[in-house]
Amino acid sequence: VSHNKTTLASLKPIIRQVDLGEGKGI
């Protein structure tokens, strides 16, 4: 956001946990 204030001003962060499987993790 600090580098793209205008572009991202009206958007919100969405954070999703993703399990990439054995050996890679969360």
mmCIF file of all heavy atoms, coordinates in Angstrom:
data_MODEL
# 
_entry.id   MODEL 
# 
loop_
_atom_site.group_PDB 
_atom_site.id 
_atom_site.type_symbol 
_atom_site.label_atom_id 
_atom_site.label_alt_id 
_atom_site.label_comp_id 
_atom_site.label_asym_id 
_atom_site.label_entity_id 
_atom_site.label_seq_id 
_atom_site.pdbx_PDB_ins_code 
_atom_site.Cartn_x 
_atom_site.Cartn_y 
_atom_site.Cartn_z 
_atom_site.occupancy 
_atom_site.B_iso_or_equiv 
_atom_site.pdbx_formal_charge 
_atom_site.auth_seq_id 
_atom_site.auth_comp_id 
_atom_site.auth_asym_id 
_atom_site.auth_atom_id 
_atom_site.pdbx_PDB_model_num 
ATOM 1   N N   . VAL A 1 1  ? 0.833   -1.201  0.000  1.00 0.00 ? 1  VAL A N   1 
ATOM 2   C CA  . VAL A 1 1  ? 0.000   0.000   0.000  1.00 0.00 ? 1  VAL A CA  1 
ATOM 3   C C   . VAL A 1 1  ? 0.874   1.260   0.000  1.00 0.00 ? 1  VAL A C   1 
ATOM 4   O O   . VAL A 1 1  ? 0.566   2.230   -0.685 1.00 0.00 ? 1  VAL A O   1 
ATOM 5   C CB  . VAL A 1 1  ? -0.988  0.004   1.185  1.00 0.00 ? 1  VAL A CB  1 
ATOM 6   C CG1 . VAL A 1 1  ? -1.658  1.355   1.339  1.00 0.00 ? 1  VAL A CG1 1 
ATOM 7   C CG2 . VAL A 1 1  ? -2.032  -1.081  1.001  1.00 0.00 ? 1  VAL A CG2 1 
ATOM 8   N N   . SER A 1 2  ? 1.970   1.232   0.736  1.00 0.00 ? 2  SER A N   1 
ATOM 9   C CA  . SER A 1 2  ? 2.824   2.421   0.800  1.00 0.00 ? 2  SER A CA  1 
ATOM 10  C C   . SER A 1 2  ? 3.412   2.778   -0.565 1.00 0.00 ? 2  SER A C   1 
ATOM 11  O O   . SER A 1 2  ? 3.690   3.942   -0.829 1.00 0.00 ? 2  SER A O   1 
ATOM 12  C CB  . SER A 1 2  ? 3.944   2.234   1.829  1.00 0.00 ? 2  SER A CB  1 
ATOM 13  O OG  . SER A 1 2  ? 4.916   1.332   1.376  1.00 0.00 ? 2  SER A OG  1 
ATOM 14  N N   . HIS A 1 3  ? 3.552   1.790   -1.453 1.00 0.00 ? 3  HIS A N   1 
ATOM 15  C CA  . HIS A 1 3  ? 4.094   2.035   -2.792 1.00 0.00 ? 3  HIS A CA  1 
ATOM 16  C C   . HIS A 1 3  ? 2.998   2.179   -3.851 1.00 0.00 ? 3  HIS A C   1 
ATOM 17  O O   . HIS A 1 3  ? 3.305   2.510   -5.009 1.00 0.00 ? 3  HIS A O   1 
ATOM 18  C CB  . HIS A 1 3  ? 5.038   0.908   -3.202 1.00 0.00 ? 3  HIS A CB  1 
ATOM 19  C CG  . HIS A 1 3  ? 6.235   0.781   -2.322 1.00 0.00 ? 3  HIS A CG  1 
ATOM 20  N ND1 . HIS A 1 3  ? 7.180   1.776   -2.184 1.00 0.00 ? 3  HIS A ND1 1 
ATOM 21  C CD2 . HIS A 1 3  ? 6.636   -0.221  -1.504 1.00 0.00 ? 3  HIS A CD2 1 
ATOM 22  C CE1 . HIS A 1 3  ? 8.112   1.390   -1.331 1.00 0.00 ? 3  HIS A CE1 1 
ATOM 23  N NE2 . HIS A 1 3  ? 7.795   0.179   -0.891 1.00 0.00 ? 3  HIS A NE2 1 
ATOM 24  N N   . ASN A 1 4  ? 1.756   1.906   -3.482 1.00 0.00 ? 4  ASN A N   1 
ATOM 25  C CA  . ASN A 1 4  ? 0.650   1.916   -4.452 1.00 0.00 ? 4  ASN A CA  1 
ATOM 26  C C   . ASN A 1 4  ? -0.609  2.512   -3.826 1.00 0.00 ? 4  ASN A C   1 
ATOM 27  O O   . ASN A 1 4  ? -1.700  1.953   -3.937 1.00 0.00 ? 4  ASN A O   1 
ATOM 28  C CB  . ASN A 1 4  ? 0.364   0.478   -4.912 1.00 0.00 ? 4  ASN A CB  1 
ATOM 29  C CG  . ASN A 1 4  ? 1.550   -0.171  -5.555 1.00 0.00 ? 4  ASN A CG  1 
ATOM 30  O OD1 . ASN A 1 4  ? 1.853   0.060   -6.709 1.00 0.00 ? 4  ASN A OD1 1 
ATOM 31  N ND2 . ASN A 1 4  ? 2.256   -1.000  -4.788 1.00 0.00 ? 4  ASN A ND2 1 
ATOM 32  N N   . LYS A 1 5  ? -0.454  3.643   -3.157 1.00 0.00 ? 5  LYS A N   1 
ATOM 33  C CA  . LYS A 1 5  ? -1.555  4.236   -2.383 1.00 0.00 ? 5  LYS A CA  1 
ATOM 34  C C   . LYS A 1 5  ? -2.798  4.496   -3.219 1.00 0.00 ? 5  LYS A C   1 
ATOM 35  O O   . LYS A 1 5  ? -3.908  4.143   -2.816 1.00 0.00 ? 5  LYS A O   1 
ATOM 36  C CB  . LYS A 1 5  ? -1.087  5.517   -1.706 1.00 0.00 ? 5  LYS A CB  1 
ATOM 37  C CG  . LYS A 1 5  ? -0.111  5.267   -0.590 1.00 0.00 ? 5  LYS A CG  1 
ATOM 38  C CD  . LYS A 1 5  ? 0.378   6.556   0.023  1.00 0.00 ? 5  LYS A CD  1 
ATOM 39  C CE  . LYS A 1 5  ? 1.438   6.235   1.071  1.00 0.00 ? 5  LYS A CE  1 
ATOM 40  N NZ  . LYS A 1 5  ? 2.103   7.393   1.575  1.00 0.00 ? 5  LYS A NZ  1 
ATOM 41  N N   . THR A 1 6  ? -2.644  5.108   -4.346 1.00 0.00 ? 6  THR A N   1 
ATOM 42  C CA  . THR A 1 6  ? -3.801  5.468   -5.172 1.00 0.00 ? 6  THR A CA  1 
ATOM 43  C C   . THR A 1 6  ? -4.507  4.222   -5.691 1.00 0.00 ? 6  THR A C   1 
ATOM 44  O O   . THR A 1 6  ? -5.735  4.122   -5.627 1.00 0.00 ? 6  THR A O   1 
ATOM 45  C CB  . THR A 1 6  ? -3.366  6.350   -6.350 1.00 0.00 ? 6  THR A CB  1 
ATOM 46  O OG1 . THR A 1 6  ? -2.707  7.504   -5.819 1.00 0.00 ? 6  THR A OG1 1 
ATOM 47  C CG2 . THR A 1 6  ? -4.550  6.788   -7.177 1.00 0.00 ? 6  THR A CG2 1 
ATOM 48  N N   . THR A 1 7  ? -3.744  3.273   -6.177 1.00 0.00 ? 7  THR A N   1 
ATOM 49  C CA  . THR A 1 7  ? -4.313  2.062   -6.772 1.00 0.00 ? 7  THR A CA  1 
ATOM 50  C C   . THR A 1 7  ? -5.055  1.211   -5.750 1.00 0.00 ? 7  THR A C   1 
ATOM 51  O O   . THR A 1 7  ? -6.099  0.638   -6.045 1.00 0.00 ? 7  THR A O   1 
ATOM 52  C CB  . THR A 1 7  ? -3.203  1.226   -7.434 1.00 0.00 ? 7  THR A CB  1 
ATOM 53  O OG1 . THR A 1 7  ? -2.513  2.044   -8.377 1.00 0.00 ? 7  THR A OG1 1 
ATOM 54  C CG2 . THR A 1 7  ? -3.766  0.007   -8.134 1.00 0.00 ? 7  THR A CG2 1 
ATOM 55  N N   . LEU A 1 8  ? -4.530  1.140   -4.528 1.00 0.00 ? 8  LEU A N   1 
ATOM 56  C CA  . LEU A 1 8  ? -5.092  0.250   -3.517 1.00 0.00 ? 8  LEU A CA  1 
ATOM 57  C C   . LEU A 1 8  ? -5.942  0.951   -2.469 1.00 0.00 ? 8  LEU A C   1 
ATOM 58  O O   . LEU A 1 8  ? -6.418  0.309   -1.531 1.00 0.00 ? 8  LEU A O   1 
ATOM 59  C CB  . LEU A 1 8  ? -3.959  -0.517  -2.825 1.00 0.00 ? 8  LEU A CB  1 
ATOM 60  C CG  . LEU A 1 8  ? -3.122  -1.407  -3.748 1.00 0.00 ? 8  LEU A CG  1 
ATOM 61  C CD1 . LEU A 1 8  ? -1.949  -1.998  -2.986 1.00 0.00 ? 8  LEU A CD1 1 
ATOM 62  C CD2 . LEU A 1 8  ? -3.968  -2.493  -4.373 1.00 0.00 ? 8  LEU A CD2 1 
ATOM 63  N N   . ALA A 1 9  ? -6.156  2.247   -2.622 1.00 0.00 ? 9  ALA A N   1 
ATOM 64  C CA  . ALA A 1 9  ? -6.835  3.046   -1.596 1.00 0.00 ? 9  ALA A CA  1 
ATOM 65  C C   . ALA A 1 9  ? -8.192  2.481   -1.180 1.00 0.00 ? 9  ALA A C   1 
ATOM 66  O O   . ALA A 1 9  ? -8.541  2.497   -0.001 1.00 0.00 ? 9  ALA A O   1 
ATOM 67  C CB  . ALA A 1 9  ? -6.979  4.486   -2.063 1.00 0.00 ? 9  ALA A CB  1 
ATOM 68  N N   . SER A 1 10 ? -8.965  1.978   -2.122 1.00 0.00 ? 10 SER A N   1 
ATOM 69  C CA  . SER A 1 10 ? -10.322 1.530   -1.801 1.00 0.00 ? 10 SER A CA  1 
ATOM 70  C C   . SER A 1 10 ? -10.404 0.025   -1.511 1.00 0.00 ? 10 SER A C   1 
ATOM 71  O O   . SER A 1 10 ? -11.485 -0.497  -1.280 1.00 0.00 ? 10 SER A O   1 
ATOM 72  C CB  . SER A 1 10 ? -11.267 1.871   -2.953 1.00 0.00 ? 10 SER A CB  1 
ATOM 73  O OG  . SER A 1 10 ? -10.897 1.136   -4.109 1.00 0.00 ? 10 SER A OG  1 
ATOM 74  N N   . LEU A 1 11 ? -9.262  -0.659  -1.515 1.00 0.00 ? 11 LEU A N   1 
ATOM 75  C CA  . LEU A 1 11 ? -9.260  -2.108  -1.329 1.00 0.00 ? 11 LEU A CA  1 
ATOM 76  C C   . LEU A 1 11 ? -8.837  -2.497  0.083  1.00 0.00 ? 11 LEU A C   1 
ATOM 77  O O   . LEU A 1 11 ? -8.209  -1.717  0.785  1.00 0.00 ? 11 LEU A O   1 
ATOM 78  C CB  . LEU A 1 11 ? -8.328  -2.757  -2.356 1.00 0.00 ? 11 LEU A CB  1 
ATOM 79  C CG  . LEU A 1 11 ? -8.697  -2.478  -3.809 1.00 0.00 ? 11 LEU A CG  1 
ATOM 80  C CD1 . LEU A 1 11 ? -7.642  -3.047  -4.740 1.00 0.00 ? 11 LEU A CD1 1 
ATOM 81  C CD2 . LEU A 1 11 ? -10.063 -3.040  -4.136 1.00 0.00 ? 11 LEU A CD2 1 
ATOM 82  N N   . LYS A 1 12 ? -9.185  -3.687  0.458  1.00 0.00 ? 12 LYS A N   1 
ATOM 83  C CA  . LYS A 1 12 ? -8.859  -4.221  1.778  1.00 0.00 ? 12 LYS A CA  1 
ATOM 84  C C   . LYS A 1 12 ? -7.986  -5.460  1.607  1.00 0.00 ? 12 LYS A C   1 
ATOM 85  O O   . LYS A 1 12 ? -8.110  -6.189  0.613  1.00 0.00 ? 12 LYS A O   1 
ATOM 86  C CB  . LYS A 1 12 ? -10.131 -4.624  2.533  1.00 0.00 ? 12 LYS A CB  1 
ATOM 87  C CG  . LYS A 1 12 ? -11.131 -3.510  2.697  1.00 0.00 ? 12 LYS A CG  1 
ATOM 88  C CD  . LYS A 1 12 ? -10.650 -2.497  3.697  1.00 0.00 ? 12 LYS A CD  1 
ATOM 89  C CE  . LYS A 1 12 ? -11.714 -1.426  3.887  1.00 0.00 ? 12 LYS A CE  1 
ATOM 90  N NZ  . LYS A 1 12 ? -11.191 -0.123  4.072  1.00 0.00 ? 12 LYS A NZ  1 
ATOM 91  N N   . PRO A 1 13 ? -7.125  -5.750  2.580  1.00 0.00 ? 13 PRO A N   1 
ATOM 92  C CA  . PRO A 1 13 ? -6.330  -6.976  2.495  1.00 0.00 ? 13 PRO A CA  1 
ATOM 93  C C   . PRO A 1 13 ? -7.183  -8.209  2.794  1.00 0.00 ? 13 PRO A C   1 
ATOM 94  O O   . PRO A 1 13 ? -8.068  -8.175  3.645  1.00 0.00 ? 13 PRO A O   1 
ATOM 95  C CB  . PRO A 1 13 ? -5.262  -6.783  3.568  1.00 0.00 ? 13 PRO A CB  1 
ATOM 96  C CG  . PRO A 1 13 ? -5.908  -5.883  4.569  1.00 0.00 ? 13 PRO A CG  1 
ATOM 97  C CD  . PRO A 1 13 ? -6.816  -4.974  3.775  1.00 0.00 ? 13 PRO A CD  1 
ATOM 98  N N   . ILE A 1 14 ? -6.907  -9.252  2.059  1.00 0.00 ? 14 ILE A N   1 
ATOM 99  C CA  . ILE A 1 14 ? -7.513  -10.557 2.298  1.00 0.00 ? 14 ILE A CA  1 
ATOM 100 C C   . ILE A 1 14 ? -6.348  -11.519 2.473  1.00 0.00 ? 14 ILE A C   1 
ATOM 101 O O   . ILE A 1 14 ? -5.491  -11.625 1.595  1.00 0.00 ? 14 ILE A O   1 
ATOM 102 C CB  . ILE A 1 14 ? -8.398  -10.999 1.116  1.00 0.00 ? 14 ILE A CB  1 
ATOM 103 C CG1 . ILE A 1 14 ? -9.528  -9.997  0.905  1.00 0.00 ? 14 ILE A CG1 1 
ATOM 104 C CG2 . ILE A 1 14 ? -8.931  -12.410 1.346  1.00 0.00 ? 14 ILE A CG2 1 
ATOM 105 C CD1 . ILE A 1 14 ? -10.269 -10.180 -0.406 1.00 0.00 ? 14 ILE A CD1 1 
ATOM 106 N N   . ILE A 1 15 ? -6.296  -12.188 3.599  1.00 0.00 ? 15 ILE A N   1 
ATOM 107 C CA  . ILE A 1 15 ? -5.205  -13.109 3.881  1.00 0.00 ? 15 ILE A CA  1 
ATOM 108 C C   . ILE A 1 15 ? -5.791  -14.500 4.057  1.00 0.00 ? 15 ILE A C   1 
ATOM 109 O O   . ILE A 1 15 ? -6.674  -14.705 4.881  1.00 0.00 ? 15 ILE A O   1 
ATOM 110 C CB  . ILE A 1 15 ? -4.425  -12.673 5.138  1.00 0.00 ? 15 ILE A CB  1 
ATOM 111 C CG1 . ILE A 1 15 ? -3.815  -11.287 4.908  1.00 0.00 ? 15 ILE A CG1 1 
ATOM 112 C CG2 . ILE A 1 15 ? -3.350  -13.697 5.488  1.00 0.00 ? 15 ILE A CG2 1 
ATOM 113 C CD1 . ILE A 1 15 ? -3.190  -10.667 6.129  1.00 0.00 ? 15 ILE A CD1 1 
ATOM 114 N N   . ARG A 1 16 ? -5.292  -15.429 3.252  1.00 0.00 ? 16 ARG A N   1 
ATOM 115 C CA  . ARG A 1 16 ? -5.779  -16.810 3.324  1.00 0.00 ? 16 ARG A CA  1 
ATOM 116 C C   . ARG A 1 16 ? -4.634  -17.748 3.655  1.00 0.00 ? 16 ARG A C   1 
ATOM 117 O O   . ARG A 1 16 ? -3.561  -17.669 3.064  1.00 0.00 ? 16 ARG A O   1 
ATOM 118 C CB  . ARG A 1 16 ? -6.383  -17.229 1.989  1.00 0.00 ? 16 ARG A CB  1 
ATOM 119 C CG  . ARG A 1 16 ? -7.668  -16.513 1.695  1.00 0.00 ? 16 ARG A CG  1 
ATOM 120 C CD  . ARG A 1 16 ? -8.534  -17.329 0.792  1.00 0.00 ? 16 ARG A CD  1 
ATOM 121 N NE  . ARG A 1 16 ? -9.765  -16.607 0.517  1.00 0.00 ? 16 ARG A NE  1 
ATOM 122 C CZ  . ARG A 1 16 ? -10.352 -16.561 -0.654 1.00 0.00 ? 16 ARG A CZ  1 
ATOM 123 N NH1 . ARG A 1 16 ? -9.830  -17.188 -1.673 1.00 0.00 ? 16 ARG A NH1 1 
ATOM 124 N NH2 . ARG A 1 16 ? -11.478 -15.896 -0.807 1.00 0.00 ? 16 ARG A NH2 1 
ATOM 125 N N   . GLN A 1 17 ? -4.892  -18.656 4.555  1.00 0.00 ? 17 GLN A N   1 
ATOM 126 C CA  . GLN A 1 17 ? -3.925  -19.692 4.887  1.00 0.00 ? 17 GLN A CA  1 
ATOM 127 C C   . GLN A 1 17 ? -4.003  -20.767 3.816  1.00 0.00 ? 17 GLN A C   1 
ATOM 128 O O   . GLN A 1 17 ? -5.092  -21.224 3.448  1.00 0.00 ? 17 GLN A O   1 
ATOM 129 C CB  . GLN A 1 17 ? -4.246  -20.292 6.245  1.00 0.00 ? 17 GLN A CB  1 
ATOM 130 C CG  . GLN A 1 17 ? -3.252  -21.343 6.676  1.00 0.00 ? 17 GLN A CG  1 
ATOM 131 C CD  . GLN A 1 17 ? -3.566  -21.893 8.057  1.00 0.00 ? 17 GLN A CD  1 
ATOM 132 O OE1 . GLN A 1 17 ? -4.156  -21.226 8.893  1.00 0.00 ? 17 GLN A OE1 1 
ATOM 133 N NE2 . GLN A 1 17 ? -3.191  -23.126 8.284  1.00 0.00 ? 17 GLN A NE2 1 
ATOM 134 N N   . VAL A 1 18 ? -2.836  -21.176 3.309  1.00 0.00 ? 18 VAL A N   1 
ATOM 135 C CA  . VAL A 1 18 ? -2.773  -22.174 2.253  1.00 0.00 ? 18 VAL A CA  1 
ATOM 136 C C   . VAL A 1 18 ? -1.780  -23.258 2.660  1.00 0.00 ? 18 VAL A C   1 
ATOM 137 O O   . VAL A 1 18 ? -0.636  -22.962 3.001  1.00 0.00 ? 18 VAL A O   1 
ATOM 138 C CB  . VAL A 1 18 ? -2.314  -21.525 0.916  1.00 0.00 ? 18 VAL A CB  1 
ATOM 139 C CG1 . VAL A 1 18 ? -2.260  -22.557 -0.193 1.00 0.00 ? 18 VAL A CG1 1 
ATOM 140 C CG2 . VAL A 1 18 ? -3.212  -20.367 0.541  1.00 0.00 ? 18 VAL A CG2 1 
ATOM 141 N N   . ASP A 1 19 ? -2.225  -24.507 2.629  1.00 0.00 ? 19 ASP A N   1 
ATOM 142 C CA  . ASP A 1 19 ? -1.352  -25.637 2.917  1.00 0.00 ? 19 ASP A CA  1 
ATOM 143 C C   . ASP A 1 19 ? -0.829  -26.178 1.592  1.00 0.00 ? 19 ASP A C   1 
ATOM 144 O O   . ASP A 1 19 ? -1.595  -26.729 0.794  1.00 0.00 ? 19 ASP A O   1 
ATOM 145 C CB  . ASP A 1 19 ? -2.122  -26.722 3.671  1.00 0.00 ? 19 ASP A CB  1 
ATOM 146 C CG  . ASP A 1 19 ? -1.236  -27.859 4.133  1.00 0.00 ? 19 ASP A CG  1 
ATOM 147 O OD1 . ASP A 1 19 ? -0.073  -27.951 3.673  1.00 0.00 ? 19 ASP A OD1 1 
ATOM 148 O OD2 . ASP A 1 19 ? -1.704  -28.652 4.964  1.00 0.00 ? 19 ASP A OD2 1 
ATOM 149 N N   . LEU A 1 20 ? 0.460   -26.006 1.349  1.00 0.00 ? 20 LEU A N   1 
ATOM 150 C CA  . LEU A 1 20 ? 1.056   -26.447 0.088  1.00 0.00 ? 20 LEU A CA  1 
ATOM 151 C C   . LEU A 1 20 ? 1.485   -27.909 0.118  1.00 0.00 ? 20 LEU A C   1 
ATOM 152 O O   . LEU A 1 20 ? 2.071   -28.406 -0.828 1.00 0.00 ? 20 LEU A O   1 
ATOM 153 C CB  . LEU A 1 20 ? 2.244   -25.556 -0.272 1.00 0.00 ? 20 LEU A CB  1 
ATOM 154 C CG  . LEU A 1 20 ? 1.888   -24.091 -0.509 1.00 0.00 ? 20 LEU A CG  1 
ATOM 155 C CD1 . LEU A 1 20 ? 3.133   -23.306 -0.884 1.00 0.00 ? 20 LEU A CD1 1 
ATOM 156 C CD2 . LEU A 1 20 ? 0.815   -23.933 -1.566 1.00 0.00 ? 20 LEU A CD2 1 
ATOM 157 N N   . GLY A 1 21 ? 1.180   -28.581 1.204  1.00 0.00 ? 21 GLY A N   1 
ATOM 158 C CA  . GLY A 1 21 ? 1.429   -30.011 1.271  1.00 0.00 ? 21 GLY A CA  1 
ATOM 159 C C   . GLY A 1 21 ? 2.739   -30.371 1.942  1.00 0.00 ? 21 GLY A C   1 
ATOM 160 O O   . GLY A 1 21 ? 3.518   -29.520 2.364  1.00 0.00 ? 21 GLY A O   1 
ATOM 161 N N   . GLU A 1 22 ? 2.938   -31.670 2.028  1.00 0.00 ? 22 GLU A N   1 
ATOM 162 C CA  . GLU A 1 22 ? 4.103   -32.211 2.718  1.00 0.00 ? 22 GLU A CA  1 
ATOM 163 C C   . GLU A 1 22 ? 5.400   -31.683 2.106  1.00 0.00 ? 22 GLU A C   1 
ATOM 164 O O   . GLU A 1 22 ? 5.561   -31.639 0.888  1.00 0.00 ? 22 GLU A O   1 
ATOM 165 C CB  . GLU A 1 22 ? 4.081   -33.737 2.625  1.00 0.00 ? 22 GLU A CB  1 
ATOM 166 C CG  . GLU A 1 22 ? 5.058   -34.403 3.543  1.00 0.00 ? 22 GLU A CG  1 
ATOM 167 C CD  . GLU A 1 22 ? 4.865   -35.913 3.576  1.00 0.00 ? 22 GLU A CD  1 
ATOM 168 O OE1 . GLU A 1 22 ? 3.719   -36.367 3.503  1.00 0.00 ? 22 GLU A OE1 1 
ATOM 169 O OE2 . GLU A 1 22 ? 5.885   -36.599 3.675  1.00 0.00 ? 22 GLU A OE2 1 
ATOM 170 N N   . GLY A 1 23 ? 6.268   -31.255 2.961  1.00 0.00 ? 23 GLY A N   1 
ATOM 171 C CA  . GLY A 1 23 ? 7.556   -30.744 2.510  1.00 0.00 ? 23 GLY A CA  1 
ATOM 172 C C   . GLY A 1 23 ? 7.566   -29.258 2.219  1.00 0.00 ? 23 GLY A C   1 
ATOM 173 O O   . GLY A 1 23 ? 8.616   -28.648 2.126  1.00 0.00 ? 23 GLY A O   1 
ATOM 174 N N   . LYS A 1 24 ? 6.403   -28.662 2.030  1.00 0.00 ? 24 LYS A N   1 
ATOM 175 C CA  . LYS A 1 24 ? 6.327   -27.230 1.735  1.00 0.00 ? 24 LYS A CA  1 
ATOM 176 C C   . LYS A 1 24 ? 5.703   -26.457 2.880  1.00 0.00 ? 24 LYS A C   1 
ATOM 177 O O   . LYS A 1 24 ? 6.129   -25.371 3.201  1.00 0.00 ? 24 LYS A O   1 
ATOM 178 C CB  . LYS A 1 24 ? 5.572   -26.992 0.435  1.00 0.00 ? 24 LYS A CB  1 
ATOM 179 C CG  . LYS A 1 24 ? 6.297   -27.539 -0.766 1.00 0.00 ? 24 LYS A CG  1 
ATOM 180 C CD  . LYS A 1 24 ? 5.620   -27.194 -2.047 1.00 0.00 ? 24 LYS A CD  1 
ATOM 181 C CE  . LYS A 1 24 ? 6.381   -27.791 -3.218 1.00 0.00 ? 24 LYS A CE  1 
ATOM 182 N NZ  . LYS A 1 24 ? 5.732   -27.532 -4.481 1.00 0.00 ? 24 LYS A NZ  1 
ATOM 183 N N   . GLY A 1 25 ? 4.638   -26.998 3.455  1.00 0.00 ? 25 GLY A N   1 
ATOM 184 C CA  . GLY A 1 25 ? 4.048   -26.406 4.636  1.00 0.00 ? 25 GLY A CA  1 
ATOM 185 C C   . GLY A 1 25 ? 2.984   -25.364 4.394  1.00 0.00 ? 25 GLY A C   1 
ATOM 186 O O   . GLY A 1 25 ? 2.420   -25.246 3.309  1.00 0.00 ? 25 GLY A O   1 
ATOM 187 N N   . ILE A 1 26 ? 2.745   -24.579 5.440  1.00 0.00 ? 26 ILE A N   1 
ATOM 188 C CA  . ILE A 1 26 ? 1.687   -23.567 5.449  1.00 0.00 ? 26 ILE A CA  1 
ATOM 189 C C   . ILE A 1 26 ? 2.258   -22.218 5.015  1.00 0.00 ? 26 ILE A C   1 
ATOM 190 O O   . ILE A 1 26 ? 3.319   -21.805 5.474  1.00 0.00 ? 26 ILE A O   1 
ATOM 191 C CB  . ILE A 1 26 ? 1.091   -23.417 6.866  1.00 0.00 ? 26 ILE A CB  1 
ATOM 192 C CG1 . ILE A 1 26 ? 0.546   -24.746 7.379  1.00 0.00 ? 26 ILE A CG1 1 
ATOM 193 C CG2 . ILE A 1 26 ? 0.046   -22.312 6.915  1.00 0.00 ? 26 ILE A CG2 1 
ATOM 194 C CD1 . ILE A 1 26 ? -0.687  -25.237 6.683  1.00 0.00 ? 26 ILE A CD1 1 
# 
